[in-house]
PDB file of N, CA and C in Angstrom:
ATOM      1  N   MET A   1      19.691 -74.383  53.722  1.00  0.00           N
ATOM      2  CA  MET A   1      20.249 -74.524  52.392  1.00  0.00           C
ATOM      3  C   MET A   1      21.754 -74.757  52.535  1.00  0.00           C
ATOM      4  N   SER A   2      22.248 -75.765  51.860  1.00  0.00           N
ATOM      5  CA  SER A   2      23.665 -76.104  51.967  1.00  0.00           C
ATOM      6  C   SER A   2      24.508 -75.147  51.126  1.00  0.00           C
ATOM      7  N   ALA A   3      25.800 -75.195  51.357  1.00  0.00           N
ATOM      8  CA  ALA A   3      26.725 -74.323  50.626  1.00  0.00           C
ATOM      9  C   ALA A   3      26.720 -74.648  49.136  1.00  0.00           C
ATOM     10  N   LYS A   4      26.591 -75.941  48.815  1.00  0.00           N
ATOM     11  CA  LYS A   4      26.569 -76.355  47.416  1.00  0.00           C
ATOM     12  C   LYS A   4      25.313 -75.830  46.712  1.00  0.00           C
ATOM     13  N   ALA A   5      24.176 -75.905  47.395  1.00  0.00           N
ATOM     14  CA  ALA A   5      22.913 -75.410  46.815  1.00  0.00           C
ATOM     15  C   ALA A   5      22.944 -73.893  46.672  1.00  0.00           C
ATOM     16  N   THR A   6      23.539 -73.207  47.626  1.00  0.00           N
ATOM     17  CA  THR A   6      23.663 -71.750  47.543  1.00  0.00           C
ATOM     18  C   THR A   6      24.546 -71.354  46.371  1.00  0.00           C
ATOM     19  N   ARG A   7      25.651 -72.069  46.215  1.00  0.00           N
ATOM     20  CA  ARG A   7      26.565 -71.796  45.102  1.00  0.00           C
ATOM     21  C   ARG A   7      25.864 -72.017  43.762  1.00  0.00           C
ATOM     22  N   ARG A   8      25.069 -73.079  43.672  1.00  0.00           N
ATOM     23  CA  ARG A   8      24.326 -73.361  42.442  1.00  0.00           C
ATOM     24  C   ARG A   8      23.292 -72.273  42.154  1.00  0.00           C
ATOM     25  N   ALA A   9      22.596 -71.828  43.172  1.00  0.00           N
ATOM     26  CA  ALA A   9      21.593 -70.777  43.001  1.00  0.00           C
ATOM     27  C   ALA A   9      22.246 -69.472  42.546  1.00  0.00           C
ATOM     28  N   LEU A  10      23.389 -69.129  43.128  1.00  0.00           N
ATOM     29  CA  LEU A  10      24.108 -67.925  42.717  1.00  0.00           C
ATOM     30  C   LEU A  10      24.622 -68.043  41.286  1.00  0.00           C
ATOM     31  N   LEU A  11      25.096 -69.222  40.914  1.00  0.00           N
ATOM     32  CA  LEU A  11      25.562 -69.447  39.550  1.00  0.00           C
ATOM     33  C   LEU A  11      24.406 -69.316  38.556  1.00  0.00           C
ATOM     34  N   ALA A  12      23.250 -69.873  38.898  1.00  0.00           N
ATOM     35  CA  ALA A  12      22.084 -69.777  38.021  1.00  0.00           C
ATOM     36  C   ALA A  12      21.628 -68.326  37.888  1.00  0.00           C
ATOM     37  N   ALA A  13      21.611 -67.603  38.997  1.00  0.00           N
ATOM     38  CA  ALA A  13      21.218 -66.197  38.959  1.00  0.00           C
ATOM     39  C   ALA A  13      22.210 -65.380  38.130  1.00  0.00           C
ATOM     40  N   GLY A  14      23.491 -65.655  38.285  1.00  0.00           N
ATOM     41  CA  GLY A  14      24.502 -64.956  37.490  1.00  0.00           C
ATOM     42  C   GLY A  14      24.365 -65.260  36.006  1.00  0.00           C
ATOM     43  N   LEU A  15      24.068 -66.505  35.680  1.00  0.00           N
ATOM     44  CA  LEU A  15      23.881 -66.899  34.287  1.00  0.00           C
ATOM     45  C   LEU A  15      22.660 -66.193  33.689  1.00  0.00           C
ATOM     46  N   VAL A  16      21.578 -66.137  34.423  1.00  0.00           N
ATOM     47  CA  VAL A  16      20.371 -65.438  33.952  1.00  0.00           C
ATOM     48  C   VAL A  16      20.672 -63.958  33.733  1.00  0.00           C
ATOM     49  N   LEU A  17      21.384 -63.329  34.649  1.00  0.00           N
ATOM     50  CA  LEU A  17      21.741 -61.918  34.496  1.00  0.00           C
ATOM     51  C   LEU A  17      22.644 -61.692  33.289  1.00  0.00           C
ATOM     52  N   ALA A  18      23.586 -62.598  33.068  1.00  0.00           N
ATOM     53  CA  ALA A  18      24.482 -62.472  31.913  1.00  0.00           C
ATOM     54  C   ALA A  18      23.707 -62.598  30.606  1.00  0.00           C
ATOM     55  N   VAL A  19      22.789 -63.544  30.535  1.00  0.00           N
ATOM     56  CA  VAL A  19      21.981 -63.719  29.324  1.00  0.00           C
ATOM     57  C   VAL A  19      21.110 -62.483  29.096  1.00  0.00           C
ATOM     58  N   LEU A  20      20.503 -61.948  30.131  1.00  0.00           N
ATOM     59  CA  LEU A  20      19.676 -60.738  29.993  1.00  0.00           C
ATOM     60  C   LEU A  20      20.516 -59.539  29.553  1.00  0.00           C
ATOM     61  N   ALA A  21      21.714 -59.412  30.089  1.00  0.00           N
ATOM     62  CA  ALA A  21      22.592 -58.300  29.700  1.00  0.00           C
ATOM     63  C   ALA A  21      23.002 -58.420  28.238  1.00  0.00           C
ATOM     64  N   LEU A  22      23.317 -59.626  27.789  1.00  0.00           N
ATOM     65  CA  LEU A  22      23.682 -59.821  26.386  1.00  0.00           C
ATOM     66  C   LEU A  22      22.485 -59.587  25.466  1.00  0.00           C
ATOM     67  N   ALA A  23      21.312 -60.008  25.882  1.00  0.00           N
ATOM     68  CA  ALA A  23      20.114 -59.793  25.061  1.00  0.00           C
ATOM     69  C   ALA A  23      19.783 -58.306  24.956  1.00  0.00           C
ATOM     70  N   ALA A  24      20.066 -57.547  25.987  1.00  0.00           N
ATOM     71  CA  ALA A  24      19.798 -56.113  25.958  1.00  0.00           C
ATOM     72  C   ALA A  24      20.721 -55.384  24.993  1.00  0.00           C
ATOM     73  N   CYS A  25      21.866 -55.977  24.682  1.00  0.00           N
ATOM     74  CA  CYS A  25      22.824 -55.356  23.768  1.00  0.00           C
ATOM     75  C   CYS A  25      22.590 -55.744  22.316  1.00  0.00           C
ATOM     76  N   ALA A  26      21.643 -56.605  22.050  1.00  0.00           N
ATOM     77  CA  ALA A  26      21.396 -57.058  20.683  1.00  0.00           C
ATOM     78  C   ALA A  26      20.877 -55.901  19.831  1.00  0.00           C
ATOM     79  N   ALA A  27      21.355 -55.853  18.602  1.00  0.00           N
ATOM     80  CA  ALA A  27      20.937 -54.789  17.690  1.00  0.00           C
ATOM     81  C   ALA A  27      19.517 -55.037  17.204  1.00  0.00           C
ATOM     82  N   GLY A  28      18.795 -53.962  16.999  1.00  0.00           N
ATOM     83  CA  GLY A  28      17.446 -54.059  16.458  1.00  0.00           C
ATOM     84  C   GLY A  28      17.474 -54.035  14.945  1.00  0.00           C
ATOM     85  N   ALA A  29      16.308 -54.160  14.363  1.00  0.00           N
ATOM     86  CA  ALA A  29      16.200 -54.150  12.904  1.00  0.00           C
ATOM     87  C   ALA A  29      16.489 -52.753  12.359  1.00  0.00           C
ATOM     88  N   ASN A  30      17.127 -52.704  11.193  1.00  0.00           N
ATOM     89  CA  ASN A  30      17.427 -51.444  10.526  1.00  0.00           C
ATOM     90  C   ASN A  30      16.284 -51.131   9.566  1.00  0.00           C
ATOM     91  N   SER A  31      15.481 -50.154   9.880  1.00  0.00           N
ATOM     92  CA  SER A  31      14.322 -49.826   9.044  1.00  0.00           C
ATOM     93  C   SER A  31      14.725 -49.115   7.756  1.00  0.00           C
ATOM     94  N   ALA A  32      15.981 -48.693   7.635  1.00  0.00           N
ATOM     95  CA  ALA A  32      16.437 -47.975   6.446  1.00  0.00           C
ATOM     96  C   ALA A  32      17.091 -48.890   5.404  1.00  0.00           C
ATOM     97  N   VAL A  33      17.063 -50.217   5.619  1.00  0.00           N
ATOM     98  CA  VAL A  33      17.652 -51.140   4.651  1.00  0.00           C
ATOM     99  C   VAL A  33      16.897 -51.024   3.335  1.00  0.00           C
ATOM    100  N   ASP A  34      17.649 -50.973   2.240  1.00  0.00           N
ATOM    101  CA  ASP A  34      17.122 -50.842   0.883  1.00  0.00           C
ATOM    102  C   ASP A  34      16.349 -49.549   0.652  1.00  0.00           C
ATOM    103  N   THR A  35      16.506 -48.576   1.539  1.00  0.00           N
ATOM    104  CA  THR A  35      15.918 -47.255   1.352  1.00  0.00           C
ATOM    105  C   THR A  35      17.028 -46.317   0.904  1.00  0.00           C
ATOM    106  N   PRO A  36      16.865 -45.665  -0.237  1.00  0.00           N
ATOM    107  CA  PRO A  36      17.929 -44.779  -0.721  1.00  0.00           C
ATOM    108  C   PRO A  36      18.178 -43.607   0.225  1.00  0.00           C
ATOM    109  N   ALA A  37      19.438 -43.186   0.298  1.00  0.00           N
ATOM    110  CA  ALA A  37      19.814 -42.007   1.084  1.00  0.00           C
ATOM    111  C   ALA A  37      19.371 -40.753   0.324  1.00  0.00           C
ATOM    112  N   ALA A  38      19.699 -39.596   0.839  1.00  0.00           N
ATOM    113  CA  ALA A  38      19.301 -38.328   0.218  1.00  0.00           C
ATOM    114  C   ALA A  38      19.847 -38.193  -1.198  1.00  0.00           C
ATOM    115  N   ASP A  39      21.004 -38.796  -1.467  1.00  0.00           N
ATOM    116  CA  ASP A  39      21.584 -38.706  -2.811  1.00  0.00           C
ATOM    117  C   ASP A  39      21.042 -39.793  -3.748  1.00  0.00           C
ATOM    118  N   GLY A  40      20.132 -40.629  -3.272  1.00  0.00           N
ATOM    119  CA  GLY A  40      19.512 -41.647  -4.102  1.00  0.00           C
ATOM    120  C   GLY A  40      20.227 -42.973  -4.147  1.00  0.00           C
ATOM    121  N   ASP A  41      21.318 -43.120  -3.413  1.00  0.00           N
ATOM    122  CA  ASP A  41      22.112 -44.350  -3.447  1.00  0.00           C
ATOM    123  C   ASP A  41      21.824 -45.248  -2.248  1.00  0.00           C
ATOM    124  N   VAL A  42      21.974 -46.554  -2.500  1.00  0.00           N
ATOM    125  CA  VAL A  42      21.919 -47.558  -1.442  1.00  0.00           C
ATOM    126  C   VAL A  42      23.292 -48.219  -1.408  1.00  0.00           C
ATOM    127  N   ALA A  43      23.953 -48.187  -0.262  1.00  0.00           N
ATOM    128  CA  ALA A  43      25.310 -48.740  -0.147  1.00  0.00           C
ATOM    129  C   ALA A  43      25.265 -50.258  -0.238  1.00  0.00           C
ATOM    130  N   GLY A  44      26.179 -50.821  -1.038  1.00  0.00           N
ATOM    131  CA  GLY A  44      26.252 -52.269  -1.232  1.00  0.00           C
ATOM    132  C   GLY A  44      27.555 -52.842  -0.730  1.00  0.00           C
ATOM    133  N   LEU A  45      27.947 -53.962  -1.300  1.00  0.00           N
ATOM    134  CA  LEU A  45      29.146 -54.684  -0.873  1.00  0.00           C
ATOM    135  C   LEU A  45      30.400 -53.825  -0.939  1.00  0.00           C
ATOM    136  N   TRP A  46      30.641 -53.158  -2.069  1.00  0.00           N
ATOM    137  CA  TRP A  46      31.889 -52.404  -2.242  1.00  0.00           C
ATOM    138  C   TRP A  46      31.948 -51.191  -1.319  1.00  0.00           C
ATOM    139  N   MET A  47      30.807 -50.532  -1.103  1.00  0.00           N
ATOM    140  CA  MET A  47      30.794 -49.403  -0.170  1.00  0.00           C
ATOM    141  C   MET A  47      30.992 -49.902   1.265  1.00  0.00           C
ATOM    142  N   GLY A  48      30.429 -51.061   1.580  1.00  0.00           N
ATOM    143  CA  GLY A  48      30.651 -51.656   2.895  1.00  0.00           C
ATOM    144  C   GLY A  48      32.111 -52.001   3.119  1.00  0.00           C
ATOM    145  N   LEU A  49      32.758 -52.548   2.072  1.00  0.00           N
ATOM    146  CA  LEU A  49      34.183 -52.853   2.168  1.00  0.00           C
ATOM    147  C   LEU A  49      34.984 -51.581   2.424  1.00  0.00           C
ATOM    148  N   TRP A  50      34.670 -50.523   1.685  1.00  0.00           N
ATOM    149  CA  TRP A  50      35.373 -49.248   1.861  1.00  0.00           C
ATOM    150  C   TRP A  50      35.152 -48.698   3.268  1.00  0.00           C
ATOM    151  N   HIS A  51      33.900 -48.721   3.737  1.00  0.00           N
ATOM    152  CA  HIS A  51      33.613 -48.205   5.077  1.00  0.00           C
ATOM    153  C   HIS A  51      34.316 -49.020   6.150  1.00  0.00           C
ATOM    154  N   GLY A  52      34.451 -50.327   5.935  1.00  0.00           N
ATOM    155  CA  GLY A  52      35.197 -51.161   6.886  1.00  0.00           C
ATOM    156  C   GLY A  52      36.682 -50.846   6.882  1.00  0.00           C
ATOM    157  N   LEU A  53      37.236 -50.594   5.692  1.00  0.00           N
ATOM    158  CA  LEU A  53      38.658 -50.275   5.594  1.00  0.00           C
ATOM    159  C   LEU A  53      39.004 -48.954   6.285  1.00  0.00           C
ATOM    160  N   ILE A  54      38.125 -47.965   6.177  1.00  0.00           N
ATOM    161  CA  ILE A  54      38.408 -46.656   6.780  1.00  0.00           C
ATOM    162  C   ILE A  54      37.830 -46.524   8.181  1.00  0.00           C
ATOM    163  N   LEU A  55      37.357 -47.640   8.745  1.00  0.00           N
ATOM    164  CA  LEU A  55      36.742 -47.633  10.073  1.00  0.00           C
ATOM    165  C   LEU A  55      37.589 -46.962  11.157  1.00  0.00           C
ATOM    166  N   PRO A  56      38.877 -47.270  11.324  1.00  0.00           N
ATOM    167  CA  PRO A  56      39.634 -46.636  12.414  1.00  0.00           C
ATOM    168  C   PRO A  56      39.656 -45.103  12.315  1.00  0.00           C
ATOM    169  N   ILE A  57      39.835 -44.590  11.104  1.00  0.00           N
ATOM    170  CA  ILE A  57      39.874 -43.133  10.921  1.00  0.00           C
ATOM    171  C   ILE A  57      38.490 -42.538  11.137  1.00  0.00           C
ATOM    172  N   THR A  58      37.477 -43.186  10.562  1.00  0.00           N
ATOM    173  CA  THR A  58      36.115 -42.693  10.682  1.00  0.00           C
ATOM    174  C   THR A  58      35.660 -42.677  12.136  1.00  0.00           C
ATOM    175  N   PHE A  59      36.061 -43.678  12.892  1.00  0.00           N
ATOM    176  CA  PHE A  59      35.679 -43.719  14.303  1.00  0.00           C
ATOM    177  C   PHE A  59      36.227 -42.528  15.066  1.00  0.00           C
ATOM    178  N   VAL A  60      37.486 -42.217  14.858  1.00  0.00           N
ATOM    179  CA  VAL A  60      38.100 -41.077  15.552  1.00  0.00           C
ATOM    180  C   VAL A  60      37.409 -39.773  15.141  1.00  0.00           C
ATOM    181  N   VAL A  61      37.156 -39.607  13.847  1.00  0.00           N
ATOM    182  CA  VAL A  61      36.489 -38.397  13.373  1.00  0.00           C
ATOM    183  C   VAL A  61      35.075 -38.308  13.948  1.00  0.00           C
ATOM    184  N   SER A  62      34.377 -39.442  14.044  1.00  0.00           N
ATOM    185  CA  SER A  62      32.996 -39.434  14.539  1.00  0.00           C
ATOM    186  C   SER A  62      32.900 -39.027  16.010  1.00  0.00           C
ATOM    187  N   LEU A  63      33.992 -39.138  16.732  1.00  0.00           N
ATOM    188  CA  LEU A  63      33.978 -38.703  18.136  1.00  0.00           C
ATOM    189  C   LEU A  63      33.893 -37.190  18.269  1.00  0.00           C
ATOM    190  N   PHE A  64      34.311 -36.471  17.230  1.00  0.00           N
ATOM    191  CA  PHE A  64      34.395 -35.020  17.303  1.00  0.00           C
ATOM    192  C   PHE A  64      33.379 -34.296  16.426  1.00  0.00           C
ATOM    193  N   THR A  65      32.621 -35.012  15.626  1.00  0.00           N
ATOM    194  CA  THR A  65      31.640 -34.358  14.763  1.00  0.00           C
ATOM    195  C   THR A  65      30.367 -35.199  14.673  1.00  0.00           C
ATOM    196  N   GLU A  66      29.248 -34.520  14.522  1.00  0.00           N
ATOM    197  CA  GLU A  66      27.957 -35.199  14.415  1.00  0.00           C
ATOM    198  C   GLU A  66      27.657 -35.644  12.986  1.00  0.00           C
ATOM    199  N   SER A  67      28.355 -35.085  12.004  1.00  0.00           N
ATOM    200  CA  SER A  67      28.021 -35.349  10.607  1.00  0.00           C
ATOM    201  C   SER A  67      28.700 -36.598  10.042  1.00  0.00           C
ATOM    202  N   VAL A  68      29.523 -37.287  10.827  1.00  0.00           N
ATOM    203  CA  VAL A  68      30.216 -38.487  10.369  1.00  0.00           C
ATOM    204  C   VAL A  68      29.816 -39.659  11.257  1.00  0.00           C
ATOM    205  N   SER A  69      29.438 -40.768  10.617  1.00  0.00           N
ATOM    206  CA  SER A  69      29.156 -41.982  11.379  1.00  0.00           C
ATOM    207  C   SER A  69      29.950 -43.131  10.761  1.00  0.00           C
ATOM    208  N   VAL A  70      30.140 -44.196  11.501  1.00  0.00           N
ATOM    209  CA  VAL A  70      31.001 -45.280  11.037  1.00  0.00           C
ATOM    210  C   VAL A  70      30.247 -46.286  10.183  1.00  0.00           C
ATOM    211  N   TYR A  71      28.932 -46.225  10.146  1.00  0.00           N
ATOM    212  CA  TYR A  71      28.135 -47.241   9.465  1.00  0.00           C
ATOM    213  C   TYR A  71      27.030 -46.562   8.663  1.00  0.00           C
ATOM    214  N   GLU A  72      26.874 -46.941   7.419  1.00  0.00           N
ATOM    215  CA  GLU A  72      25.827 -46.378   6.558  1.00  0.00           C
ATOM    216  C   GLU A  72      24.526 -47.145   6.787  1.00  0.00           C
ATOM    217  N   VAL A  73      23.499 -46.441   7.284  1.00  0.00           N
ATOM    218  CA  VAL A  73      22.235 -47.122   7.559  1.00  0.00           C
ATOM    219  C   VAL A  73      21.435 -47.378   6.291  1.00  0.00           C
ATOM    220  N   HIS A  74      21.645 -46.604   5.247  1.00  0.00           N
ATOM    221  CA  HIS A  74      20.957 -46.812   3.969  1.00  0.00           C
ATOM    222  C   HIS A  74      21.782 -47.805   3.148  1.00  0.00           C
ATOM    223  N   ASN A  75      21.658 -49.092   3.495  1.00  0.00           N
ATOM    224  CA  ASN A  75      22.481 -50.110   2.856  1.00  0.00           C
ATOM    225  C   ASN A  75      21.628 -51.238   2.302  1.00  0.00           C
ATOM    226  N   SER A  76      22.283 -52.150   1.607  1.00  0.00           N
ATOM    227  CA  SER A  76      21.576 -53.261   0.958  1.00  0.00           C
ATOM    228  C   SER A  76      21.370 -54.466   1.870  1.00  0.00           C
ATOM    229  N   GLY A  77      21.733 -54.352   3.120  1.00  0.00           N
ATOM    230  CA  GLY A  77      21.529 -55.455   4.061  1.00  0.00           C
ATOM    231  C   GLY A  77      22.759 -56.324   4.219  1.00  0.00           C
ATOM    232  N   GLY A  78      22.591 -57.613   3.965  1.00  0.00           N
ATOM    233  CA  GLY A  78      23.657 -58.583   4.193  1.00  0.00           C
ATOM    234  C   GLY A  78      24.923 -58.344   3.386  1.00  0.00           C
ATOM    235  N   TRP A  79      24.781 -57.891   2.139  1.00  0.00           N
ATOM    236  CA  TRP A  79      25.975 -57.650   1.317  1.00  0.00           C
ATOM    237  C   TRP A  79      26.797 -56.495   1.870  1.00  0.00           C
ATOM    238  N   TYR A  80      26.125 -55.431   2.295  1.00  0.00           N
ATOM    239  CA  TYR A  80      26.863 -54.314   2.900  1.00  0.00           C
ATOM    240  C   TYR A  80      27.554 -54.786   4.183  1.00  0.00           C
ATOM    241  N   ASP A  81      26.833 -55.526   4.996  1.00  0.00           N
ATOM    242  CA  ASP A  81      27.393 -56.029   6.254  1.00  0.00           C
ATOM    243  C   ASP A  81      28.621 -56.904   6.012  1.00  0.00           C
ATOM    244  N   ALA A  82      28.536 -57.779   4.990  1.00  0.00           N
ATOM    245  CA  ALA A  82      29.671 -58.649   4.675  1.00  0.00           C
ATOM    246  C   ALA A  82      30.885 -57.824   4.260  1.00  0.00           C
ATOM    247  N   GLY A  83      30.681 -56.825   3.415  1.00  0.00           N
ATOM    248  CA  GLY A  83      31.781 -55.960   3.004  1.00  0.00           C
ATOM    249  C   GLY A  83      32.358 -55.185   4.172  1.00  0.00           C
ATOM    250  N   PHE A  84      31.480 -54.693   5.048  1.00  0.00           N
ATOM    251  CA  PHE A  84      31.924 -53.916   6.204  1.00  0.00           C
ATOM    252  C   PHE A  84      32.784 -54.773   7.135  1.00  0.00           C
ATOM    253  N   VAL A  85      32.328 -55.975   7.423  1.00  0.00           N
ATOM    254  CA  VAL A  85      33.077 -56.861   8.326  1.00  0.00           C
ATOM    255  C   VAL A  85      34.414 -57.255   7.703  1.00  0.00           C
ATOM    256  N   LEU A  86      34.413 -57.558   6.404  1.00  0.00           N
ATOM    257  CA  LEU A  86      35.661 -57.909   5.726  1.00  0.00           C
ATOM    258  C   LEU A  86      36.641 -56.734   5.736  1.00  0.00           C
ATOM    259  N   GLY A  87      36.152 -55.543   5.435  1.00  0.00           N
ATOM    260  CA  GLY A  87      37.010 -54.364   5.459  1.00  0.00           C
ATOM    261  C   GLY A  87      37.521 -54.047   6.853  1.00  0.00           C
ATOM    262  N   ALA A  88      36.650 -54.173   7.850  1.00  0.00           N
ATOM    263  CA  ALA A  88      37.076 -53.922   9.229  1.00  0.00           C
ATOM    264  C   ALA A  88      38.122 -54.939   9.665  1.00  0.00           C
ATOM    265  N   ALA A  89      37.954 -56.199   9.276  1.00  0.00           N
ATOM    266  CA  ALA A  89      38.939 -57.221   9.628  1.00  0.00           C
ATOM    267  C   ALA A  89      40.284 -56.912   8.988  1.00  0.00           C
ATOM    268  N   CYS A  90      40.259 -56.456   7.753  1.00  0.00           N
ATOM    269  CA  CYS A  90      41.523 -56.114   7.073  1.00  0.00           C
ATOM    270  C   CYS A  90      42.196 -54.917   7.727  1.00  0.00           C
ATOM    271  N   SER A  91      41.425 -53.879   8.026  1.00  0.00           N
ATOM    272  CA  SER A  91      42.033 -52.666   8.577  1.00  0.00           C
ATOM    273  C   SER A  91      42.436 -52.806  10.029  1.00  0.00           C
ATOM    274  N   LEU A  92      41.783 -53.696  10.760  1.00  0.00           N
ATOM    275  CA  LEU A  92      42.110 -53.865  12.168  1.00  0.00           C
ATOM    276  C   LEU A  92      43.039 -55.046  12.412  1.00  0.00           C
ATOM    277  N   GLY A  93      43.500 -55.680  11.341  1.00  0.00           N
ATOM    278  CA  GLY A  93      44.474 -56.764  11.476  1.00  0.00           C
ATOM    279  C   GLY A  93      43.882 -58.074  11.929  1.00  0.00           C
ATOM    280  N   GLY A  94      42.650 -58.358  11.555  1.00  0.00           N
ATOM    281  CA  GLY A  94      42.002 -59.569  11.981  1.00  0.00           C
ATOM    282  C   GLY A  94      42.122 -60.724  11.012  1.00  0.00           C
ATOM    283  N   SER A  95      43.261 -60.886  10.397  1.00  0.00           N
ATOM    284  CA  SER A  95      43.417 -61.946   9.402  1.00  0.00           C
ATOM    285  C   SER A  95      43.668 -63.315  10.021  1.00  0.00           C
ATOM    286  N   GLY A  96      44.023 -63.367  11.268  1.00  0.00           N
ATOM    287  CA  GLY A  96      44.307 -64.640  11.912  1.00  0.00           C
ATOM    288  C   GLY A  96      45.739 -65.113  11.721  1.00  0.00           C
ATOM    289  N   ALA A  97      46.601 -64.286  11.132  1.00  0.00           N
ATOM    290  CA  ALA A  97      47.985 -64.680  10.899  1.00  0.00           C
ATOM    291  C   ALA A  97      48.732 -64.909  12.215  1.00  0.00           C
ATOM    292  N   GLY A  98      48.331 -64.236  13.256  1.00  0.00           N
ATOM    293  CA  GLY A  98      48.981 -64.405  14.543  1.00  0.00           C
ATOM    294  C   GLY A  98      48.653 -65.726  15.207  1.00  0.00           C
ATOM    295  N   ALA A  99      47.687 -66.457  14.674  1.00  0.00           N
ATOM    296  CA  ALA A  99      47.272 -67.729  15.280  1.00  0.00           C
ATOM    297  C   ALA A  99      48.182 -68.884  14.864  1.00  0.00           C
ATOM    298  N   LYS A 100      49.142 -68.631  13.988  1.00  0.00           N
ATOM    299  CA  LYS A 100      50.031 -69.697  13.540  1.00  0.00           C
ATOM    300  C   LYS A 100      50.899 -70.241  14.663  1.00  0.00           C
ATOM    301  N   GLY A 101      51.228 -69.382  15.589  1.00  0.00           N
ATOM    302  CA  GLY A 101      52.095 -69.812  16.679  1.00  0.00           C
ATOM    303  C   GLY A 101      53.535 -69.366  16.419  1.00  0.00           C
ATOM    304  N   ALA A 102      54.328 -69.461  17.427  1.00  0.00           N
ATOM    305  CA  ALA A 102      55.728 -69.035  17.325  1.00  0.00           C
ATOM    306  C   ALA A 102      56.552 -70.106  16.634  1.00  0.00           C
ATOM    307  N   LYS A 103      57.466 -69.670  15.794  1.00  0.00           N
ATOM    308  CA  LYS A 103      58.376 -70.610  15.118  1.00  0.00           C
ATOM    309  C   LYS A 103      59.537 -70.910  16.048  1.00  0.00           C
ATOM    310  N   SER A 104      59.928 -72.146  16.074  1.00  0.00           N
ATOM    311  CA  SER A 104      61.027 -72.547  16.957  1.00  0.00           C
ATOM    312  C   SER A 104      62.364 -72.451  16.271  1.00  0.00           C
TER     313      SER A 104
END
């Protein structure tokens, strides 16, 4: 086997391993979507936005207590997710303003 063929085989094996590793990290289905929590509520867009905005604080608190989590599993699905991502982007500074480039 030549060096070029060996390099190709190693690259293919590495690519397969990378794809398998990424597939193993994929989230599963949330069986609690559209199921009310103990208080009878299902979190929607506005609650997702709020949870995204307070994400940095909630994350730190969740490291020290079992009763706090960063994501509400009893949610409305896509609308909650959209609010959560938008809120997280706002609170973590993901507006893209830094992509403008330096002014000369």
